[in-house]
């Protein structure tokens, strides 16, 4: 989770590979209207995100029902959004990729052909609600190298029972 340009897709793909889990890019679940709105520099509101979040929730629920792991990247900027996603899996863990605005802005400017303009970064930062103590998750500094972030996530997974890995079946 995190604002645009924080590395959700890159870290999500690396994490999925490390876990041997499927990876879903949350941005691909936005309806065309949302993409057009963002491309025009118009921030999404809660109503715009409702259907998108419901689609992501369904993917999480399907993975939970199948007993498998899933790595999903999405902004999950607000607590109510995370609560909705957690409704599909109460053990859902969030990895909040966070960093300095200047670093994120530089990353956004370096992405050619991405629909999310730099002009929306400040609205995302305004909307961002940090993980609360009662939310399962970890905040990581995106100034670190990607492999170091993956190591931190895997260490977090090892010290907390999370659904980053499939549930273990008990043997009789």
N, C-alpha and C. Protein backbone atom coordinates (compact mmCIF):
# COMPACT_ATOMS: atom_id res chain seq x y z
N UNK A 1 0.84 -1.18 0.00
CA UNK A 1 0.00 0.00 0.00
C UNK A 1 0.88 1.23 0.00
N UNK A 2 0.30 2.33 -0.45
CA UNK A 2 0.99 3.60 -0.44
C UNK A 2 0.58 4.44 -1.63
N UNK A 3 1.11 5.63 -1.68
CA UNK A 3 0.77 6.55 -2.76
C UNK A 3 1.41 6.10 -4.07
N UNK A 4 0.93 6.68 -5.14
CA UNK A 4 1.49 6.39 -6.46
C UNK A 4 2.98 6.72 -6.47
N UNK A 5 3.76 5.86 -7.08
CA UNK A 5 5.19 6.09 -7.21
C UNK A 5 6.04 5.59 -6.06
N UNK A 6 5.43 4.94 -5.06
CA UNK A 6 6.20 4.47 -3.91
C UNK A 6 6.84 3.10 -4.16
N UNK A 7 6.48 2.45 -5.26
CA UNK A 7 7.10 1.16 -5.58
C UNK A 7 6.23 -0.05 -5.32
N UNK A 8 4.93 0.15 -5.18
CA UNK A 8 4.03 -0.97 -4.87
C UNK A 8 4.14 -2.10 -5.89
N UNK A 9 4.13 -1.75 -7.15
CA UNK A 9 4.16 -2.78 -8.20
C UNK A 9 5.48 -3.54 -8.20
N UNK A 10 6.58 -2.81 -8.15
CA UNK A 10 7.90 -3.46 -8.18
C UNK A 10 8.11 -4.35 -6.96
N UNK A 11 7.82 -3.81 -5.79
CA UNK A 11 8.01 -4.59 -4.56
C UNK A 11 7.00 -5.74 -4.51
N UNK A 12 5.77 -5.50 -4.95
CA UNK A 12 4.77 -6.57 -4.98
C UNK A 12 5.21 -7.74 -5.85
N UNK A 13 5.74 -7.45 -7.01
CA UNK A 13 6.21 -8.51 -7.91
C UNK A 13 7.37 -9.28 -7.29
N UNK A 14 8.32 -8.55 -6.70
CA UNK A 14 9.45 -9.21 -6.04
C UNK A 14 8.99 -10.07 -4.87
N UNK A 15 8.06 -9.56 -4.09
CA UNK A 15 7.54 -10.31 -2.94
C UNK A 15 6.81 -11.56 -3.41
N UNK A 16 5.99 -11.43 -4.42
CA UNK A 16 5.26 -12.59 -4.94
C UNK A 16 6.23 -13.67 -5.41
N UNK A 17 7.30 -13.26 -6.07
CA UNK A 17 8.31 -14.22 -6.52
C UNK A 17 8.96 -14.90 -5.32
N UNK A 18 9.32 -14.11 -4.31
CA UNK A 18 9.97 -14.67 -3.11
C UNK A 18 9.07 -15.65 -2.39
N UNK A 19 7.76 -15.39 -2.42
CA UNK A 19 6.80 -16.26 -1.71
C UNK A 19 6.26 -17.38 -2.59
N UNK A 20 6.52 -17.31 -3.89
CA UNK A 20 5.91 -18.28 -4.80
C UNK A 20 4.40 -18.11 -4.85
N UNK A 21 3.96 -16.86 -4.77
CA UNK A 21 2.53 -16.55 -4.71
C UNK A 21 2.11 -15.77 -5.95
N UNK A 22 0.84 -15.82 -6.31
CA UNK A 22 0.37 -14.99 -7.41
C UNK A 22 0.43 -13.51 -7.04
N UNK A 23 0.62 -12.68 -8.06
CA UNK A 23 0.66 -11.23 -7.87
C UNK A 23 -0.46 -10.59 -8.67
N UNK A 24 -1.18 -9.68 -8.04
CA UNK A 24 -2.22 -8.90 -8.72
C UNK A 24 -1.89 -7.42 -8.63
N UNK A 25 -1.90 -6.76 -9.77
CA UNK A 25 -1.68 -5.32 -9.85
C UNK A 25 -3.03 -4.65 -9.68
N UNK A 26 -3.23 -4.01 -8.54
CA UNK A 26 -4.52 -3.39 -8.24
C UNK A 26 -4.96 -2.35 -9.25
N UNK A 27 -4.01 -1.63 -9.84
CA UNK A 27 -4.37 -0.61 -10.81
C UNK A 27 -5.13 -1.18 -12.01
N UNK A 28 -4.87 -2.44 -12.34
CA UNK A 28 -5.55 -3.06 -13.49
C UNK A 28 -7.03 -3.29 -13.22
N UNK A 29 -7.46 -3.16 -11.98
CA UNK A 29 -8.86 -3.39 -11.62
C UNK A 29 -9.69 -2.11 -11.62
N UNK A 30 -9.02 -0.97 -11.86
CA UNK A 30 -9.77 0.29 -11.97
C UNK A 30 -10.61 0.27 -13.23
N UNK A 31 -11.85 0.73 -13.15
CA UNK A 31 -12.64 0.86 -14.38
C UNK A 31 -12.06 1.99 -15.24
N UNK A 32 -12.33 1.95 -16.53
CA UNK A 32 -11.80 2.98 -17.43
C UNK A 32 -12.13 4.41 -16.99
N UNK A 33 -13.30 4.60 -16.37
CA UNK A 33 -13.69 5.94 -15.92
C UNK A 33 -12.72 6.47 -14.86
N UNK A 34 -12.28 5.59 -13.96
CA UNK A 34 -11.32 6.01 -12.93
C UNK A 34 -9.98 6.38 -13.55
N UNK A 35 -9.52 5.56 -14.49
CA UNK A 35 -8.24 5.83 -15.14
C UNK A 35 -8.30 7.16 -15.88
N UNK A 36 -9.40 7.40 -16.59
CA UNK A 36 -9.56 8.65 -17.34
C UNK A 36 -9.58 9.85 -16.38
N UNK A 37 -10.24 9.69 -15.26
CA UNK A 37 -10.32 10.77 -14.29
C UNK A 37 -8.93 11.10 -13.73
N UNK A 38 -8.19 10.06 -13.36
CA UNK A 38 -6.85 10.28 -12.83
C UNK A 38 -5.94 10.87 -13.90
N UNK A 39 -6.02 10.36 -15.12
CA UNK A 39 -5.19 10.87 -16.21
C UNK A 39 -5.46 12.34 -16.47
N UNK A 40 -6.68 12.78 -16.19
CA UNK A 40 -7.05 14.18 -16.36
C UNK A 40 -6.63 15.03 -15.16
N UNK A 41 -6.00 14.40 -14.16
CA UNK A 41 -5.54 15.14 -12.99
C UNK A 41 -6.61 15.35 -11.94
N UNK A 42 -7.68 14.56 -12.00
CA UNK A 42 -8.78 14.69 -11.04
C UNK A 42 -8.67 13.57 -10.02
N UNK A 43 -8.53 13.90 -8.74
CA UNK A 43 -8.42 12.85 -7.71
C UNK A 43 -9.71 12.02 -7.64
N UNK A 44 -9.54 10.74 -7.36
CA UNK A 44 -10.69 9.87 -7.12
C UNK A 44 -11.25 10.17 -5.74
N UNK A 45 -12.58 10.02 -5.62
CA UNK A 45 -13.20 10.15 -4.31
C UNK A 45 -13.64 8.76 -3.84
N UNK A 46 -14.21 8.71 -2.66
CA UNK A 46 -14.61 7.42 -2.09
C UNK A 46 -15.58 6.69 -3.00
N UNK A 47 -16.51 7.41 -3.61
CA UNK A 47 -17.49 6.77 -4.51
C UNK A 47 -16.80 6.17 -5.73
N UNK A 48 -15.79 6.87 -6.26
CA UNK A 48 -15.04 6.34 -7.40
C UNK A 48 -14.32 5.04 -7.03
N UNK A 49 -13.84 4.98 -5.82
CA UNK A 49 -13.04 3.82 -5.41
C UNK A 49 -13.89 2.63 -4.95
N UNK A 50 -15.16 2.83 -4.70
CA UNK A 50 -16.00 1.78 -4.11
C UNK A 50 -16.02 0.50 -4.95
N UNK A 51 -16.32 0.61 -6.23
CA UNK A 51 -16.37 -0.58 -7.08
C UNK A 51 -15.02 -1.23 -7.23
N UNK A 52 -13.98 -0.42 -7.35
CA UNK A 52 -12.61 -0.92 -7.46
C UNK A 52 -12.24 -1.72 -6.21
N UNK A 53 -12.51 -1.16 -5.05
CA UNK A 53 -12.20 -1.86 -3.80
C UNK A 53 -13.00 -3.15 -3.66
N UNK A 54 -14.25 -3.14 -4.11
CA UNK A 54 -15.07 -4.35 -4.06
C UNK A 54 -14.46 -5.45 -4.93
N UNK A 55 -13.94 -5.09 -6.10
CA UNK A 55 -13.29 -6.07 -6.98
C UNK A 55 -12.04 -6.64 -6.32
N UNK A 56 -11.26 -5.78 -5.67
CA UNK A 56 -10.06 -6.25 -4.98
C UNK A 56 -10.44 -7.14 -3.80
N UNK A 57 -11.49 -6.75 -3.08
CA UNK A 57 -11.96 -7.56 -1.95
C UNK A 57 -12.35 -8.96 -2.43
N UNK A 58 -13.01 -9.04 -3.58
CA UNK A 58 -13.41 -10.34 -4.13
C UNK A 58 -12.19 -11.20 -4.47
N UNK A 59 -11.13 -10.58 -4.98
CA UNK A 59 -9.91 -11.34 -5.29
C UNK A 59 -9.26 -11.87 -4.01
N UNK A 60 -9.24 -11.05 -2.97
CA UNK A 60 -8.68 -11.48 -1.68
C UNK A 60 -9.52 -12.62 -1.11
N UNK A 61 -10.83 -12.49 -1.18
CA UNK A 61 -11.73 -13.53 -0.67
C UNK A 61 -11.52 -14.84 -1.42
N UNK A 62 -11.35 -14.77 -2.72
CA UNK A 62 -11.14 -15.98 -3.51
C UNK A 62 -9.83 -16.67 -3.13
N UNK A 63 -8.78 -15.88 -2.91
CA UNK A 63 -7.51 -16.47 -2.50
C UNK A 63 -7.62 -17.09 -1.12
N UNK A 64 -8.33 -16.43 -0.23
CA UNK A 64 -8.53 -16.97 1.13
C UNK A 64 -9.31 -18.28 1.07
N UNK A 65 -10.37 -18.30 0.26
CA UNK A 65 -11.19 -19.50 0.14
C UNK A 65 -10.40 -20.67 -0.45
N UNK A 66 -9.48 -20.35 -1.34
CA UNK A 66 -8.66 -21.39 -1.97
C UNK A 66 -7.51 -21.83 -1.07
N UNK A 67 -7.30 -21.10 0.03
CA UNK A 67 -6.24 -21.46 0.96
C UNK A 67 -4.85 -21.11 0.47
N UNK A 68 -4.76 -20.20 -0.47
CA UNK A 68 -3.47 -19.83 -1.02
C UNK A 68 -3.05 -18.43 -0.64
N UNK A 69 -1.82 -18.12 -0.96
CA UNK A 69 -1.29 -16.79 -0.71
C UNK A 69 -1.61 -15.89 -1.89
N UNK A 70 -1.55 -14.60 -1.66
CA UNK A 70 -1.79 -13.62 -2.69
C UNK A 70 -1.04 -12.35 -2.33
N UNK A 71 -0.36 -11.76 -3.31
CA UNK A 71 0.25 -10.45 -3.13
C UNK A 71 -0.50 -9.51 -4.05
N UNK A 72 -1.05 -8.47 -3.47
CA UNK A 72 -1.87 -7.50 -4.20
C UNK A 72 -1.31 -6.11 -3.93
N UNK A 73 -1.07 -5.35 -4.98
CA UNK A 73 -0.64 -3.97 -4.77
C UNK A 73 -1.83 -3.05 -5.03
N UNK A 74 -2.06 -2.15 -4.09
CA UNK A 74 -3.08 -1.12 -4.25
C UNK A 74 -2.78 -0.03 -3.24
N UNK A 75 -3.33 1.15 -3.48
CA UNK A 75 -3.01 2.28 -2.62
C UNK A 75 -3.49 2.10 -1.19
N UNK A 76 -4.72 1.62 -0.99
CA UNK A 76 -5.29 1.42 0.35
C UNK A 76 -4.99 2.61 1.25
N UNK A 77 -5.24 3.80 0.74
CA UNK A 77 -4.84 5.03 1.42
C UNK A 77 -5.55 5.27 2.75
N UNK A 78 -6.81 4.89 2.84
CA UNK A 78 -7.60 5.21 4.03
C UNK A 78 -7.93 3.96 4.83
N UNK A 79 -8.08 4.16 6.12
CA UNK A 79 -8.43 3.06 7.00
C UNK A 79 -9.72 2.36 6.55
N UNK A 80 -10.79 3.07 6.20
CA UNK A 80 -11.99 2.36 5.76
C UNK A 80 -11.76 1.47 4.52
N UNK A 81 -10.85 1.87 3.63
CA UNK A 81 -10.53 1.03 2.47
C UNK A 81 -9.87 -0.26 2.94
N UNK A 82 -8.94 -0.12 3.88
CA UNK A 82 -8.24 -1.31 4.39
C UNK A 82 -9.21 -2.19 5.17
N UNK A 83 -10.14 -1.57 5.90
CA UNK A 83 -11.15 -2.35 6.62
C UNK A 83 -11.99 -3.17 5.64
N UNK A 84 -12.36 -2.56 4.53
CA UNK A 84 -13.13 -3.28 3.51
C UNK A 84 -12.34 -4.46 2.96
N UNK A 85 -11.08 -4.24 2.63
CA UNK A 85 -10.24 -5.33 2.12
C UNK A 85 -10.07 -6.41 3.17
N UNK A 86 -9.88 -6.00 4.42
CA UNK A 86 -9.72 -6.96 5.53
C UNK A 86 -10.99 -7.77 5.75
N UNK A 87 -12.12 -7.24 5.31
CA UNK A 87 -13.37 -7.98 5.41
C UNK A 87 -13.34 -9.28 4.64
N UNK A 88 -12.49 -9.37 3.63
CA UNK A 88 -12.34 -10.59 2.85
C UNK A 88 -11.39 -11.58 3.52
N UNK A 89 -10.53 -11.08 4.39
CA UNK A 89 -9.56 -11.93 5.08
C UNK A 89 -9.10 -11.19 6.33
N UNK A 90 -9.61 -11.57 7.49
CA UNK A 90 -9.26 -10.85 8.72
C UNK A 90 -7.77 -10.88 9.06
N UNK A 91 -7.01 -11.80 8.44
CA UNK A 91 -5.58 -11.88 8.71
C UNK A 91 -4.75 -11.15 7.67
N UNK A 92 -5.40 -10.39 6.83
CA UNK A 92 -4.70 -9.64 5.79
C UNK A 92 -3.65 -8.74 6.42
N UNK A 93 -2.46 -8.73 5.83
CA UNK A 93 -1.37 -7.88 6.31
C UNK A 93 -1.06 -6.83 5.25
N UNK A 94 -0.73 -5.64 5.70
CA UNK A 94 -0.41 -4.53 4.80
C UNK A 94 1.06 -4.17 4.93
N UNK A 95 1.68 -3.89 3.80
CA UNK A 95 3.04 -3.38 3.77
C UNK A 95 2.93 -1.95 3.24
N UNK A 96 3.12 -0.98 4.10
CA UNK A 96 3.02 0.43 3.72
C UNK A 96 4.39 0.91 3.27
N UNK A 97 4.51 1.16 1.98
CA UNK A 97 5.74 1.70 1.41
C UNK A 97 5.66 3.22 1.49
N UNK A 98 6.57 3.79 2.26
CA UNK A 98 6.50 5.21 2.58
C UNK A 98 7.86 5.85 2.33
N UNK A 99 7.83 7.12 2.01
CA UNK A 99 9.09 7.81 1.79
C UNK A 99 8.88 9.30 1.62
N UNK A 100 9.97 9.98 1.39
CA UNK A 100 9.94 11.43 1.23
C UNK A 100 9.20 11.81 -0.05
N UNK A 101 8.46 12.90 0.04
CA UNK A 101 7.70 13.37 -1.11
C UNK A 101 8.61 13.59 -2.31
N UNK A 102 9.79 14.15 -2.08
CA UNK A 102 10.72 14.44 -3.18
C UNK A 102 11.14 13.16 -3.91
N UNK A 103 11.39 12.10 -3.18
CA UNK A 103 11.77 10.83 -3.79
C UNK A 103 10.61 10.26 -4.61
N UNK A 104 9.42 10.29 -4.03
CA UNK A 104 8.24 9.77 -4.73
C UNK A 104 7.97 10.59 -5.99
N UNK A 105 8.08 11.91 -5.89
CA UNK A 105 7.85 12.78 -7.05
C UNK A 105 8.86 12.48 -8.14
N UNK A 106 10.11 12.28 -7.77
CA UNK A 106 11.14 11.95 -8.78
C UNK A 106 10.82 10.63 -9.46
N UNK A 107 10.36 9.67 -8.70
CA UNK A 107 10.00 8.37 -9.29
C UNK A 107 8.82 8.52 -10.25
N UNK A 108 7.83 9.32 -9.85
CA UNK A 108 6.67 9.52 -10.72
C UNK A 108 7.08 10.21 -12.02
N UNK A 109 7.97 11.17 -11.94
CA UNK A 109 8.41 11.89 -13.14
C UNK A 109 9.22 10.99 -14.07
N UNK A 110 9.84 9.97 -13.51
CA UNK A 110 10.66 9.06 -14.31
C UNK A 110 9.85 7.96 -14.99
N UNK A 111 8.53 7.92 -14.74
CA UNK A 111 7.68 6.86 -15.33
C UNK A 111 7.00 7.40 -16.58
N UNK A 112 7.53 7.07 -17.73
CA UNK A 112 6.85 7.52 -18.95
C UNK A 112 5.59 6.71 -19.19
N UNK A 113 4.61 7.34 -19.77
CA UNK A 113 3.39 6.66 -20.19
C UNK A 113 2.53 6.12 -19.04
N UNK A 114 2.69 6.64 -17.84
CA UNK A 114 1.82 6.24 -16.74
C UNK A 114 0.70 7.26 -16.62
N UNK A 115 -0.52 6.78 -16.41
CA UNK A 115 -1.67 7.69 -16.40
C UNK A 115 -1.73 8.59 -15.17
N UNK A 116 -1.03 8.25 -14.11
CA UNK A 116 -1.12 9.01 -12.86
C UNK A 116 -0.16 10.20 -12.91
N UNK A 117 -0.70 11.42 -12.99
CA UNK A 117 0.18 12.58 -13.07
C UNK A 117 0.73 12.99 -11.70
N UNK A 118 1.88 13.63 -11.74
CA UNK A 118 2.50 14.13 -10.52
C UNK A 118 1.57 15.07 -9.75
N UNK A 119 0.70 15.75 -10.48
CA UNK A 119 -0.21 16.72 -9.84
C UNK A 119 -1.14 16.07 -8.81
N UNK A 120 -1.31 14.75 -8.86
CA UNK A 120 -2.20 14.07 -7.90
C UNK A 120 -1.47 13.58 -6.65
N UNK A 121 -0.15 13.71 -6.63
CA UNK A 121 0.60 13.20 -5.48
C UNK A 121 0.17 13.87 -4.17
N UNK A 122 0.02 15.17 -4.17
CA UNK A 122 -0.33 15.86 -2.92
C UNK A 122 -1.72 15.45 -2.42
N UNK A 123 -2.67 15.20 -3.34
CA UNK A 123 -4.00 14.76 -2.88
C UNK A 123 -3.90 13.36 -2.27
N UNK A 124 -3.04 12.51 -2.82
CA UNK A 124 -2.87 11.18 -2.24
C UNK A 124 -2.21 11.27 -0.87
N UNK A 125 -1.20 12.11 -0.75
CA UNK A 125 -0.54 12.27 0.54
C UNK A 125 -1.51 12.83 1.59
N UNK A 126 -2.41 13.72 1.16
CA UNK A 126 -3.43 14.26 2.08
C UNK A 126 -4.39 13.17 2.54
N UNK A 127 -4.77 12.28 1.62
CA UNK A 127 -5.72 11.22 1.94
C UNK A 127 -5.10 10.08 2.75
N UNK A 128 -3.81 9.92 2.65
CA UNK A 128 -3.14 8.78 3.27
C UNK A 128 -3.32 8.77 4.79
N UNK A 129 -3.84 7.67 5.28
CA UNK A 129 -3.97 7.46 6.72
C UNK A 129 -3.03 6.32 7.11
N UNK A 130 -2.10 6.62 7.99
CA UNK A 130 -1.10 5.63 8.40
C UNK A 130 -1.77 4.41 9.02
N UNK A 131 -1.07 3.30 8.93
CA UNK A 131 -1.53 2.09 9.61
C UNK A 131 -1.67 2.38 11.10
N UNK A 132 -2.73 1.88 11.68
CA UNK A 132 -2.99 2.06 13.10
C UNK A 132 -2.44 0.86 13.88
N UNK A 133 -2.19 1.03 15.18
CA UNK A 133 -1.62 -0.06 15.97
C UNK A 133 -2.42 -1.36 15.91
N UNK A 134 -3.74 -1.27 15.68
CA UNK A 134 -4.56 -2.48 15.63
C UNK A 134 -4.63 -3.09 14.23
N UNK A 135 -3.90 -2.52 13.27
CA UNK A 135 -3.87 -3.06 11.92
C UNK A 135 -2.60 -3.89 11.73
N UNK A 136 -2.76 -5.08 11.19
CA UNK A 136 -1.63 -5.96 10.93
C UNK A 136 -0.86 -5.39 9.74
N UNK A 137 0.37 -5.03 9.98
CA UNK A 137 1.16 -4.50 8.89
C UNK A 137 2.46 -3.90 9.36
N UNK A 138 3.20 -3.40 8.38
CA UNK A 138 4.52 -2.84 8.63
C UNK A 138 4.70 -1.64 7.70
N UNK A 139 5.36 -0.61 8.19
CA UNK A 139 5.71 0.56 7.38
C UNK A 139 7.18 0.47 7.05
N UNK A 140 7.50 0.63 5.77
CA UNK A 140 8.89 0.53 5.32
C UNK A 140 9.30 1.78 4.56
N UNK A 141 10.56 2.15 4.71
CA UNK A 141 11.13 3.32 4.05
C UNK A 141 11.60 2.94 2.65
N UNK A 142 11.02 3.58 1.63
CA UNK A 142 11.34 3.25 0.25
C UNK A 142 12.72 3.74 -0.17
N UNK A 143 13.43 4.40 0.72
CA UNK A 143 14.81 4.77 0.44
C UNK A 143 15.74 3.58 0.44
N UNK A 144 15.28 2.47 1.00
CA UNK A 144 16.09 1.25 1.04
C UNK A 144 16.03 0.54 -0.31
N UNK A 145 17.02 -0.27 -0.56
CA UNK A 145 17.06 -1.08 -1.79
C UNK A 145 15.91 -2.08 -1.79
N UNK A 146 15.38 -2.40 -2.97
CA UNK A 146 14.25 -3.34 -3.05
C UNK A 146 14.50 -4.67 -2.34
N UNK A 147 15.67 -5.25 -2.50
CA UNK A 147 15.92 -6.54 -1.85
C UNK A 147 15.94 -6.42 -0.33
N UNK A 148 16.37 -5.27 0.17
CA UNK A 148 16.33 -5.04 1.63
C UNK A 148 14.89 -4.92 2.10
N UNK A 149 14.04 -4.29 1.29
CA UNK A 149 12.61 -4.20 1.65
C UNK A 149 11.98 -5.59 1.68
N UNK A 150 12.31 -6.42 0.70
CA UNK A 150 11.78 -7.79 0.67
C UNK A 150 12.25 -8.54 1.91
N UNK A 151 13.51 -8.39 2.27
CA UNK A 151 14.02 -9.06 3.48
C UNK A 151 13.26 -8.59 4.72
N UNK A 152 12.97 -7.29 4.79
CA UNK A 152 12.21 -6.76 5.93
C UNK A 152 10.80 -7.35 5.97
N UNK A 153 10.18 -7.47 4.80
CA UNK A 153 8.82 -8.03 4.75
C UNK A 153 8.84 -9.48 5.17
N UNK A 154 9.80 -10.23 4.68
CA UNK A 154 9.88 -11.65 5.03
C UNK A 154 10.19 -11.84 6.51
N UNK A 155 10.99 -10.94 7.07
CA UNK A 155 11.26 -11.00 8.51
C UNK A 155 9.98 -10.70 9.29
N UNK A 156 9.23 -9.70 8.84
CA UNK A 156 7.94 -9.38 9.47
C UNK A 156 7.02 -10.59 9.40
N UNK A 157 6.97 -11.22 8.24
CA UNK A 157 6.13 -12.41 8.06
C UNK A 157 6.52 -13.50 9.04
N UNK A 158 7.80 -13.70 9.21
CA UNK A 158 8.27 -14.74 10.11
C UNK A 158 7.97 -14.47 11.57
N UNK A 159 7.90 -13.18 11.93
CA UNK A 159 7.64 -12.85 13.33
C UNK A 159 6.16 -12.62 13.64
N UNK A 160 5.33 -12.60 12.60
CA UNK A 160 3.88 -12.43 12.77
C UNK A 160 3.19 -13.46 11.89
N UNK A 161 2.21 -14.13 12.41
CA UNK A 161 1.46 -15.05 11.55
C UNK A 161 0.59 -14.19 10.65
N UNK A 162 0.93 -14.18 9.37
CA UNK A 162 0.17 -13.40 8.42
C UNK A 162 -0.22 -14.28 7.25
N UNK A 163 -1.09 -13.77 6.43
CA UNK A 163 -1.48 -14.53 5.25
C UNK A 163 -0.58 -14.22 4.07
N UNK A 164 0.64 -13.73 4.33
CA UNK A 164 1.59 -13.59 3.25
C UNK A 164 2.01 -14.96 2.74
N UNK A 165 1.81 -15.97 3.56
CA UNK A 165 2.08 -17.33 3.10
C UNK A 165 0.82 -18.16 3.33
N UNK A 166 0.67 -19.25 2.58
CA UNK A 166 -0.55 -20.05 2.74
C UNK A 166 -0.66 -20.62 4.14
N UNK A 167 -1.89 -20.79 4.63
CA UNK A 167 -2.05 -21.39 5.95
C UNK A 167 -1.51 -22.82 5.95
N UNK A 168 -0.91 -23.19 7.05
CA UNK A 168 -0.36 -24.53 7.18
C UNK A 168 -1.47 -25.50 7.58
N UNK A 169 -1.55 -26.61 6.88
CA UNK A 169 -2.51 -27.65 7.21
C UNK A 169 -1.96 -28.48 8.37
N UNK A 170 -2.80 -28.72 9.33
CA UNK A 170 -2.36 -29.55 10.45
C UNK A 170 -2.47 -31.02 10.04
N UNK A 171 -1.49 -31.80 10.46
CA UNK A 171 -1.56 -33.24 10.19
C UNK A 171 -2.10 -33.95 11.40
N UNK A 172 -2.85 -35.01 11.19
CA UNK A 172 -3.44 -35.71 12.34
C UNK A 172 -2.41 -36.41 13.20
